[in-house]
Amino acid sequence: MERKNGLLMIGLILVVVGILGFAIPVFTTQKTEDVVRIGDLKIQSTEDTSHRIPQLLSGGVLVLGMILLGNSLYQKR
């Protein structure tokens, strides 16, 4: 019974991650670092970096999650 619940939870998580990958295919992160530091004075630079999630990866995660969900729901007792 615990194995079934574990597969169900992992499957649900993978399905949600796969759907989020399709819904939000590009996200941006920011990195702030000190450029110059003299005593208490510091100059910082913030750099934005875009990350793209491939649709094939999102689809694969979604399919894997659905397979795990199906396996956990229709498993022989």
PDB file of N, CA and C in Angstrom:
ATOM      1  N   MET A   1       0.821  -1.199   0.000  1.00  0.00           N
ATOM      2  CA  MET A   1       0.000   0.000   0.000  1.00  0.00           C
ATOM      3  C   MET A   1       0.868   1.268   0.000  1.00  0.00           C
ATOM      4  N   GLU A   2       1.992   1.234   0.730  1.00  0.00           N
ATOM      5  CA  GLU A   2       2.857   2.408   0.773  1.00  0.00           C
ATOM      6  C   GLU A   2       3.502   2.661  -0.584  1.00  0.00           C
ATOM      7  N   ARG A   3       3.857   1.586  -1.289  1.00  0.00           N
ATOM      8  CA  ARG A   3       4.454   1.733  -2.622  1.00  0.00           C
ATOM      9  C   ARG A   3       3.468   2.418  -3.558  1.00  0.00           C
ATOM     10  N   LYS A   4       2.204   2.033  -3.451  1.00  0.00           N
ATOM     11  CA  LYS A   4       1.160   2.618  -4.279  1.00  0.00           C
ATOM     12  C   LYS A   4       1.021   4.111  -3.981  1.00  0.00           C
ATOM     13  N   ASN A   5       1.039   4.483  -2.710  1.00  0.00           N
ATOM     14  CA  ASN A   5       0.932   5.899  -2.326  1.00  0.00           C
ATOM     15  C   ASN A   5       2.152   6.686  -2.786  1.00  0.00           C
ATOM     16  N   GLY A   6       3.334   6.065  -2.696  1.00  0.00           N
ATOM     17  CA  GLY A   6       4.554   6.744  -3.135  1.00  0.00           C
ATOM     18  C   GLY A   6       4.534   7.010  -4.629  1.00  0.00           C
ATOM     19  N   LEU A   7       4.116   6.002  -5.418  1.00  0.00           N
ATOM     20  CA  LEU A   7       4.018   6.195  -6.860  1.00  0.00           C
ATOM     21  C   LEU A   7       2.978   7.248  -7.207  1.00  0.00           C
ATOM     22  N   LEU A   8       1.894   7.257  -6.473  1.00  0.00           N
ATOM     23  CA  LEU A   8       0.842   8.239  -6.705  1.00  0.00           C
ATOM     24  C   LEU A   8       1.361   9.655  -6.465  1.00  0.00           C
ATOM     25  N   MET A   9       2.063   9.868  -5.369  1.00  0.00           N
ATOM     26  CA  MET A   9       2.591  11.204  -5.045  1.00  0.00           C
ATOM     27  C   MET A   9       3.640  11.645  -6.068  1.00  0.00           C
ATOM     28  N   ILE A  10       4.562  10.752  -6.414  1.00  0.00           N
ATOM     29  CA  ILE A  10       5.599  11.099  -7.396  1.00  0.00           C
ATOM     30  C   ILE A  10       4.955  11.395  -8.746  1.00  0.00           C
ATOM     31  N   GLY A  11       3.964  10.587  -9.119  1.00  0.00           N
ATOM     32  CA  GLY A  11       3.262  10.824 -10.378  1.00  0.00           C
ATOM     33  C   GLY A  11       2.561  12.168 -10.401  1.00  0.00           C
ATOM     34  N   LEU A  12       1.882  12.513  -9.313  1.00  0.00           N
ATOM     35  CA  LEU A  12       1.209  13.809  -9.238  1.00  0.00           C
ATOM     36  C   LEU A  12       2.196  14.972  -9.340  1.00  0.00           C
ATOM     37  N   ILE A  13       3.316  14.845  -8.650  1.00  0.00           N
ATOM     38  CA  ILE A  13       4.336  15.901  -8.694  1.00  0.00           C
ATOM     39  C   ILE A  13       4.873  16.064 -10.111  1.00  0.00           C
ATOM     40  N   LEU A  14       5.159  14.938 -10.784  1.00  0.00           N
ATOM     41  CA  LEU A  14       5.684  15.018 -12.145  1.00  0.00           C
ATOM     42  C   LEU A  14       4.660  15.601 -13.117  1.00  0.00           C
ATOM     43  N   VAL A  15       3.400  15.264 -12.948  1.00  0.00           N
ATOM     44  CA  VAL A  15       2.361  15.832 -13.812  1.00  0.00           C
ATOM     45  C   VAL A  15       2.285  17.345 -13.619  1.00  0.00           C
ATOM     46  N   VAL A  16       2.315  17.801 -12.371  1.00  0.00           N
ATOM     47  CA  VAL A  16       2.263  19.248 -12.104  1.00  0.00           C
ATOM     48  C   VAL A  16       3.494  19.951 -12.678  1.00  0.00           C
ATOM     49  N   VAL A  17       4.680  19.358 -12.512  1.00  0.00           N
ATOM     50  CA  VAL A  17       5.905  19.965 -13.048  1.00  0.00           C
ATOM     51  C   VAL A  17       5.847  20.011 -14.575  1.00  0.00           C
ATOM     52  N   GLY A  18       5.352  18.952 -15.202  1.00  0.00           N
ATOM     53  CA  GLY A  18       5.221  18.937 -16.655  1.00  0.00           C
ATOM     54  C   GLY A  18       4.268  20.006 -17.157  1.00  0.00           C
ATOM     55  N   ILE A  19       3.133  20.167 -16.485  1.00  0.00           N
ATOM     56  CA  ILE A  19       2.165  21.203 -16.875  1.00  0.00           C
ATOM     57  C   ILE A  19       2.769  22.592 -16.677  1.00  0.00           C
ATOM     58  N   LEU A  20       3.483  22.796 -15.578  1.00  0.00           N
ATOM     59  CA  LEU A  20       4.141  24.090 -15.353  1.00  0.00           C
ATOM     60  C   LEU A  20       5.193  24.369 -16.424  1.00  0.00           C
ATOM     61  N   GLY A  21       5.890  23.320 -16.877  1.00  0.00           N
ATOM     62  CA  GLY A  21       6.871  23.491 -17.942  1.00  0.00           C
ATOM     63  C   GLY A  21       6.239  23.986 -19.232  1.00  0.00           C
ATOM     64  N   PHE A  22       5.013  23.515 -19.526  1.00  0.00           N
ATOM     65  CA  PHE A  22       4.303  24.008 -20.708  1.00  0.00           C
ATOM     66  C   PHE A  22       3.730  25.403 -20.470  1.00  0.00           C
ATOM     67  N   ALA A  23       3.242  25.667 -19.265  1.00  0.00           N
ATOM     68  CA  ALA A  23       2.610  26.952 -18.963  1.00  0.00           C
ATOM     69  C   ALA A  23       3.626  28.088 -18.866  1.00  0.00           C
ATOM     70  N   ILE A  24       4.797  27.782 -18.318  1.00  0.00           N
ATOM     71  CA  ILE A  24       5.838  28.802 -18.120  1.00  0.00           C
ATOM     72  C   ILE A  24       7.130  28.276 -18.748  1.00  0.00           C
ATOM     73  N   PRO A  25       7.264  28.361 -20.098  1.00  0.00           N
ATOM     74  CA  PRO A  25       8.439  27.779 -20.739  1.00  0.00           C
ATOM     75  C   PRO A  25       9.725  28.587 -20.564  1.00  0.00           C
ATOM     76  N   VAL A  26       9.597  29.850 -20.197  1.00  0.00           N
ATOM     77  CA  VAL A  26      10.782  30.703 -20.014  1.00  0.00           C
ATOM     78  C   VAL A  26      10.663  31.390 -18.662  1.00  0.00           C
ATOM     79  N   PHE A  27      11.738  31.330 -17.879  1.00  0.00           N
ATOM     80  CA  PHE A  27      11.768  32.072 -16.624  1.00  0.00           C
ATOM     81  C   PHE A  27      13.109  32.770 -16.487  1.00  0.00           C
ATOM     82  N   THR A  28      13.138  33.820 -15.688  1.00  0.00           N
ATOM     83  CA  THR A  28      14.325  34.656 -15.545  1.00  0.00           C
ATOM     84  C   THR A  28      14.811  34.620 -14.100  1.00  0.00           C
ATOM     85  N   THR A  29      16.123  34.531 -13.937  1.00  0.00           N
ATOM     86  CA  THR A  29      16.733  34.633 -12.620  1.00  0.00           C
ATOM     87  C   THR A  29      17.657  35.847 -12.608  1.00  0.00           C
ATOM     88  N   GLN A  30      17.899  36.356 -11.416  1.00  0.00           N
ATOM     89  CA  GLN A  30      18.786  37.506 -11.266  1.00  0.00           C
ATOM     90  C   GLN A  30      19.972  37.135 -10.394  1.00  0.00           C
ATOM     91  N   LYS A  31      21.124  37.662 -10.777  1.00  0.00           N
ATOM     92  CA  LYS A  31      22.337  37.444  -9.998  1.00  0.00           C
ATOM     93  C   LYS A  31      22.955  38.811  -9.722  1.00  0.00           C
ATOM     94  N   THR A  32      23.142  39.126  -8.434  1.00  0.00           N
ATOM     95  CA  THR A  32      23.743  40.393  -8.032  1.00  0.00           C
ATOM     96  C   THR A  32      25.117  40.119  -7.447  1.00  0.00           C
ATOM     97  N   GLU A  33      26.098  40.848  -7.943  1.00  0.00           N
ATOM     98  CA  GLU A  33      27.460  40.682  -7.408  1.00  0.00           C
ATOM     99  C   GLU A  33      28.132  42.040  -7.266  1.00  0.00           C
ATOM    100  N   ASP A  34      29.067  42.094  -6.328  1.00  0.00           N
ATOM    101  CA  ASP A  34      29.812  43.323  -6.095  1.00  0.00           C
ATOM    102  C   ASP A  34      30.816  43.527  -7.224  1.00  0.00           C
ATOM    103  N   VAL A  35      30.803  44.726  -7.826  1.00  0.00           N
ATOM    104  CA  VAL A  35      31.765  45.059  -8.871  1.00  0.00           C
ATOM    105  C   VAL A  35      32.974  45.738  -8.237  1.00  0.00           C
ATOM    106  N   VAL A  36      32.702  46.737  -7.383  1.00  0.00           N
ATOM    107  CA  VAL A  36      33.772  47.481  -6.709  1.00  0.00           C
ATOM    108  C   VAL A  36      33.378  47.634  -5.250  1.00  0.00           C
ATOM    109  N   ARG A  37      34.348  47.450  -4.377  1.00  0.00           N
ATOM    110  CA  ARG A  37      34.099  47.639  -2.952  1.00  0.00           C
ATOM    111  C   ARG A  37      35.287  48.405  -2.354  1.00  0.00           C
ATOM    112  N   ILE A  38      34.987  49.603  -1.863  1.00  0.00           N
ATOM    113  CA  ILE A  38      36.009  50.437  -1.234  1.00  0.00           C
ATOM    114  C   ILE A  38      35.452  50.867   0.120  1.00  0.00           C
ATOM    115  N   GLY A  39      35.937  50.259   1.180  1.00  0.00           N
ATOM    116  CA  GLY A  39      35.435  50.559   2.513  1.00  0.00           C
ATOM    117  C   GLY A  39      33.961  50.204   2.615  1.00  0.00           C
ATOM    118  N   ASP A  40      33.152  51.206   3.007  1.00  0.00           N
ATOM    119  CA  ASP A  40      31.703  50.989   3.112  1.00  0.00           C
ATOM    120  C   ASP A  40      30.988  51.184   1.778  1.00  0.00           C
ATOM    121  N   LEU A  41      31.682  51.732   0.802  1.00  0.00           N
ATOM    122  CA  LEU A  41      31.087  51.979  -0.503  1.00  0.00           C
ATOM    123  C   LEU A  41      31.221  50.738  -1.365  1.00  0.00           C
ATOM    124  N   LYS A  42      30.101  50.339  -1.952  1.00  0.00           N
ATOM    125  CA  LYS A  42      30.171  49.211  -2.883  1.00  0.00           C
ATOM    126  C   LYS A  42      29.256  49.477  -4.068  1.00  0.00           C
ATOM    127  N   ILE A  43      29.713  49.058  -5.217  1.00  0.00           N
ATOM    128  CA  ILE A  43      28.932  49.173  -6.441  1.00  0.00           C
ATOM    129  C   ILE A  43      28.576  47.752  -6.881  1.00  0.00           C
ATOM    130  N   GLN A  44      27.281  47.554  -7.094  1.00  0.00           N
ATOM    131  CA  GLN A  44      26.814  46.221  -7.449  1.00  0.00           C
ATOM    132  C   GLN A  44      26.255  46.205  -8.859  1.00  0.00           C
ATOM    133  N   SER A  45      26.321  45.031  -9.459  1.00  0.00           N
ATOM    134  CA  SER A  45      25.764  44.816 -10.787  1.00  0.00           C
ATOM    135  C   SER A  45      24.752  43.672 -10.701  1.00  0.00           C
ATOM    136  N   THR A  46      23.587  43.886 -11.292  1.00  0.00           N
ATOM    137  CA  THR A  46      22.562  42.843 -11.323  1.00  0.00           C
ATOM    138  C   THR A  46      22.413  42.372 -12.761  1.00  0.00           C
ATOM    139  N   GLU A  47      22.517  41.065 -12.955  1.00  0.00           N
ATOM    140  CA  GLU A  47      22.440  40.489 -14.289  1.00  0.00           C
ATOM    141  C   GLU A  47      21.238  39.544 -14.366  1.00  0.00           C
ATOM    142  N   ASP A  48      20.401  39.767 -15.366  1.00  0.00           N
ATOM    143  CA  ASP A  48      19.248  38.894 -15.606  1.00  0.00           C
ATOM    144  C   ASP A  48      19.664  37.788 -16.566  1.00  0.00           C
ATOM    145  N   THR A  49      19.248  36.567 -16.266  1.00  0.00           N
ATOM    146  CA  THR A  49      19.527  35.424 -17.135  1.00  0.00           C
ATOM    147  C   THR A  49      18.215  34.701 -17.414  1.00  0.00           C
ATOM    148  N   SER A  50      17.922  34.497 -18.692  1.00  0.00           N
ATOM    149  CA  SER A  50      16.712  33.774 -19.087  1.00  0.00           C
ATOM    150  C   SER A  50      17.034  32.298 -19.259  1.00  0.00           C
ATOM    151  N   HIS A  51      16.117  31.464 -18.806  1.00  0.00           N
ATOM    152  CA  HIS A  51      16.254  30.012 -18.931  1.00  0.00           C
ATOM    153  C   HIS A  51      15.033  29.495 -19.678  1.00  0.00           C
ATOM    154  N   ARG A  52      15.260  28.639 -20.660  1.00  0.00           N
ATOM    155  CA  ARG A  52      14.173  28.077 -21.463  1.00  0.00           C
ATOM    156  C   ARG A  52      14.051  26.588 -21.155  1.00  0.00           C
ATOM    157  N   ILE A  53      12.832  26.145 -20.876  1.00  0.00           N
ATOM    158  CA  ILE A  53      12.560  24.732 -20.630  1.00  0.00           C
ATOM    159  C   ILE A  53      12.109  24.120 -21.953  1.00  0.00           C
ATOM    160  N   PRO A  54      12.845  23.138 -22.481  1.00  0.00           N
ATOM    161  CA  PRO A  54      12.447  22.533 -23.754  1.00  0.00           C
ATOM    162  C   PRO A  54      11.085  21.840 -23.648  1.00  0.00           C
ATOM    163  N   GLN A  55      10.268  21.988 -24.695  1.00  0.00           N
ATOM    164  CA  GLN A  55       8.942  21.378 -24.700  1.00  0.00           C
ATOM    165  C   GLN A  55       9.037  19.861 -24.642  1.00  0.00           C
ATOM    166  N   LEU A  56      10.066  19.296 -25.251  1.00  0.00           N
ATOM    167  CA  LEU A  56      10.238  17.848 -25.222  1.00  0.00           C
ATOM    168  C   LEU A  56      10.456  17.361 -23.788  1.00  0.00           C
ATOM    169  N   LEU A  57      11.214  18.110 -23.008  1.00  0.00           N
ATOM    170  CA  LEU A  57      11.436  17.756 -21.604  1.00  0.00           C
ATOM    171  C   LEU A  57      10.132  17.852 -20.807  1.00  0.00           C
ATOM    172  N   SER A  58       9.380  18.938 -21.011  1.00  0.00           N
ATOM    173  CA  SER A  58       8.092  19.091 -20.311  1.00  0.00           C
ATOM    174  C   SER A  58       7.144  17.955 -20.674  1.00  0.00           C
ATOM    175  N   GLY A  59       7.097  17.611 -21.950  1.00  0.00           N
ATOM    176  CA  GLY A  59       6.233  16.522 -22.396  1.00  0.00           C
ATOM    177  C   GLY A  59       6.661  15.185 -21.824  1.00  0.00           C
ATOM    178  N   GLY A  60       7.966  14.945 -21.771  1.00  0.00           N
ATOM    179  CA  GLY A  60       8.466  13.695 -21.204  1.00  0.00           C
ATOM    180  C   GLY A  60       8.142  13.559 -19.732  1.00  0.00           C
ATOM    181  N   VAL A  61       8.300  14.636 -18.991  1.00  0.00           N
ATOM    182  CA  VAL A  61       7.991  14.620 -17.557  1.00  0.00           C
ATOM    183  C   VAL A  61       6.498  14.397 -17.348  1.00  0.00           C
ATOM    184  N   LEU A  62       5.680  15.052 -18.162  1.00  0.00           N
ATOM    185  CA  LEU A  62       4.226  14.901 -18.062  1.00  0.00           C
ATOM    186  C   LEU A  62       3.805  13.457 -18.358  1.00  0.00           C
ATOM    187  N   VAL A  63       4.358  12.870 -19.421  1.00  0.00           N
ATOM    188  CA  VAL A  63       4.015  11.486 -19.775  1.00  0.00           C
ATOM    189  C   VAL A  63       4.480  10.521 -18.691  1.00  0.00           C
ATOM    190  N   LEU A  64       5.687  10.720 -18.180  1.00  0.00           N
ATOM    191  CA  LEU A  64       6.186   9.852 -17.110  1.00  0.00           C
ATOM    192  C   LEU A  64       5.292   9.942 -15.872  1.00  0.00           C
ATOM    193  N   GLY A  65       4.871  11.144 -15.533  1.00  0.00           N
ATOM    194  CA  GLY A  65       3.965  11.318 -14.394  1.00  0.00           C
ATOM    195  C   GLY A  65       2.643  10.617 -14.613  1.00  0.00           C
ATOM    196  N   MET A  66       2.109  10.697 -15.836  1.00  0.00           N
ATOM    197  CA  MET A  66       0.841  10.031 -16.126  1.00  0.00           C
ATOM    198  C   MET A  66       0.998   8.513 -16.089  1.00  0.00           C
ATOM    199  N   ILE A  67       2.134   8.003 -16.533  1.00  0.00           N
ATOM    200  CA  ILE A  67       2.389   6.557 -16.468  1.00  0.00           C
ATOM    201  C   ILE A  67       2.447   6.100 -15.018  1.00  0.00           C
ATOM    202  N   LEU A  68       3.150   6.858 -14.171  1.00  0.00           N
ATOM    203  CA  LEU A  68       3.228   6.496 -12.754  1.00  0.00           C
ATOM    204  C   LEU A  68       1.858   6.580 -12.084  1.00  0.00           C
ATOM    205  N   LEU A  69       1.074   7.592 -12.432  1.00  0.00           N
ATOM    206  CA  LEU A  69      -0.280   7.692 -11.869  1.00  0.00           C
ATOM    207  C   LEU A  69      -1.126   6.509 -12.297  1.00  0.00           C
ATOM    208  N   GLY A  70      -1.074   6.176 -13.575  1.00  0.00           N
ATOM    209  CA  GLY A  70      -1.842   5.050 -14.071  1.00  0.00           C
ATOM    210  C   GLY A  70      -1.401   3.747 -13.425  1.00  0.00           C
ATOM    211  N   ASN A  71      -0.116   3.570 -13.251  1.00  0.00           N
ATOM    212  CA  ASN A  71       0.410   2.360 -12.613  1.00  0.00           C
ATOM    213  C   ASN A  71      -0.042   2.267 -11.168  1.00  0.00           C
ATOM    214  N   SER A  72      -0.030   3.379 -10.460  1.00  0.00           N
ATOM    215  CA  SER A  72      -0.418   3.334  -9.038  1.00  0.00           C
ATOM    216  C   SER A  72      -1.916   3.133  -8.870  1.00  0.00           C
ATOM    217  N   LEU A  73      -2.712   3.647  -9.800  1.00  0.00           N
ATOM    218  CA  LEU A  73      -4.167   3.520  -9.676  1.00  0.00           C
ATOM    219  C   LEU A  73      -4.688   2.149 -10.127  1.00  0.00           C
ATOM    220  N   TYR A  74      -4.012   1.543 -11.105  1.00  0.00           N
ATOM    221  CA  TYR A  74      -4.497   0.278 -11.662  1.00  0.00           C
ATOM    222  C   TYR A  74      -3.594  -0.899 -11.328  1.00  0.00           C
ATOM    223  N   GLN A  75      -2.834  -0.779 -10.260  1.00  0.00           N
ATOM    224  CA  GLN A  75      -1.916  -1.833  -9.854  1.00  0.00           C
ATOM    225  C   GLN A  75      -2.709  -3.032  -9.296  1.00  0.00           C
ATOM    226  N   LYS A  76      -2.239  -4.233  -9.639  1.00  0.00           N
ATOM    227  CA  LYS A  76      -2.888  -5.430  -9.097  1.00  0.00           C
ATOM    228  C   LYS A  76      -2.677  -5.507  -7.600  1.00  0.00           C
ATOM    229  N   ARG A  77      -3.678  -5.944  -6.894  1.00  0.00           N
ATOM    230  CA  ARG A  77      -3.593  -5.970  -5.432  1.00  0.00           C
ATOM    231  C   ARG A  77      -2.931  -7.226  -4.961  1.00  0.00           C
TER     232      ARG A  77
END
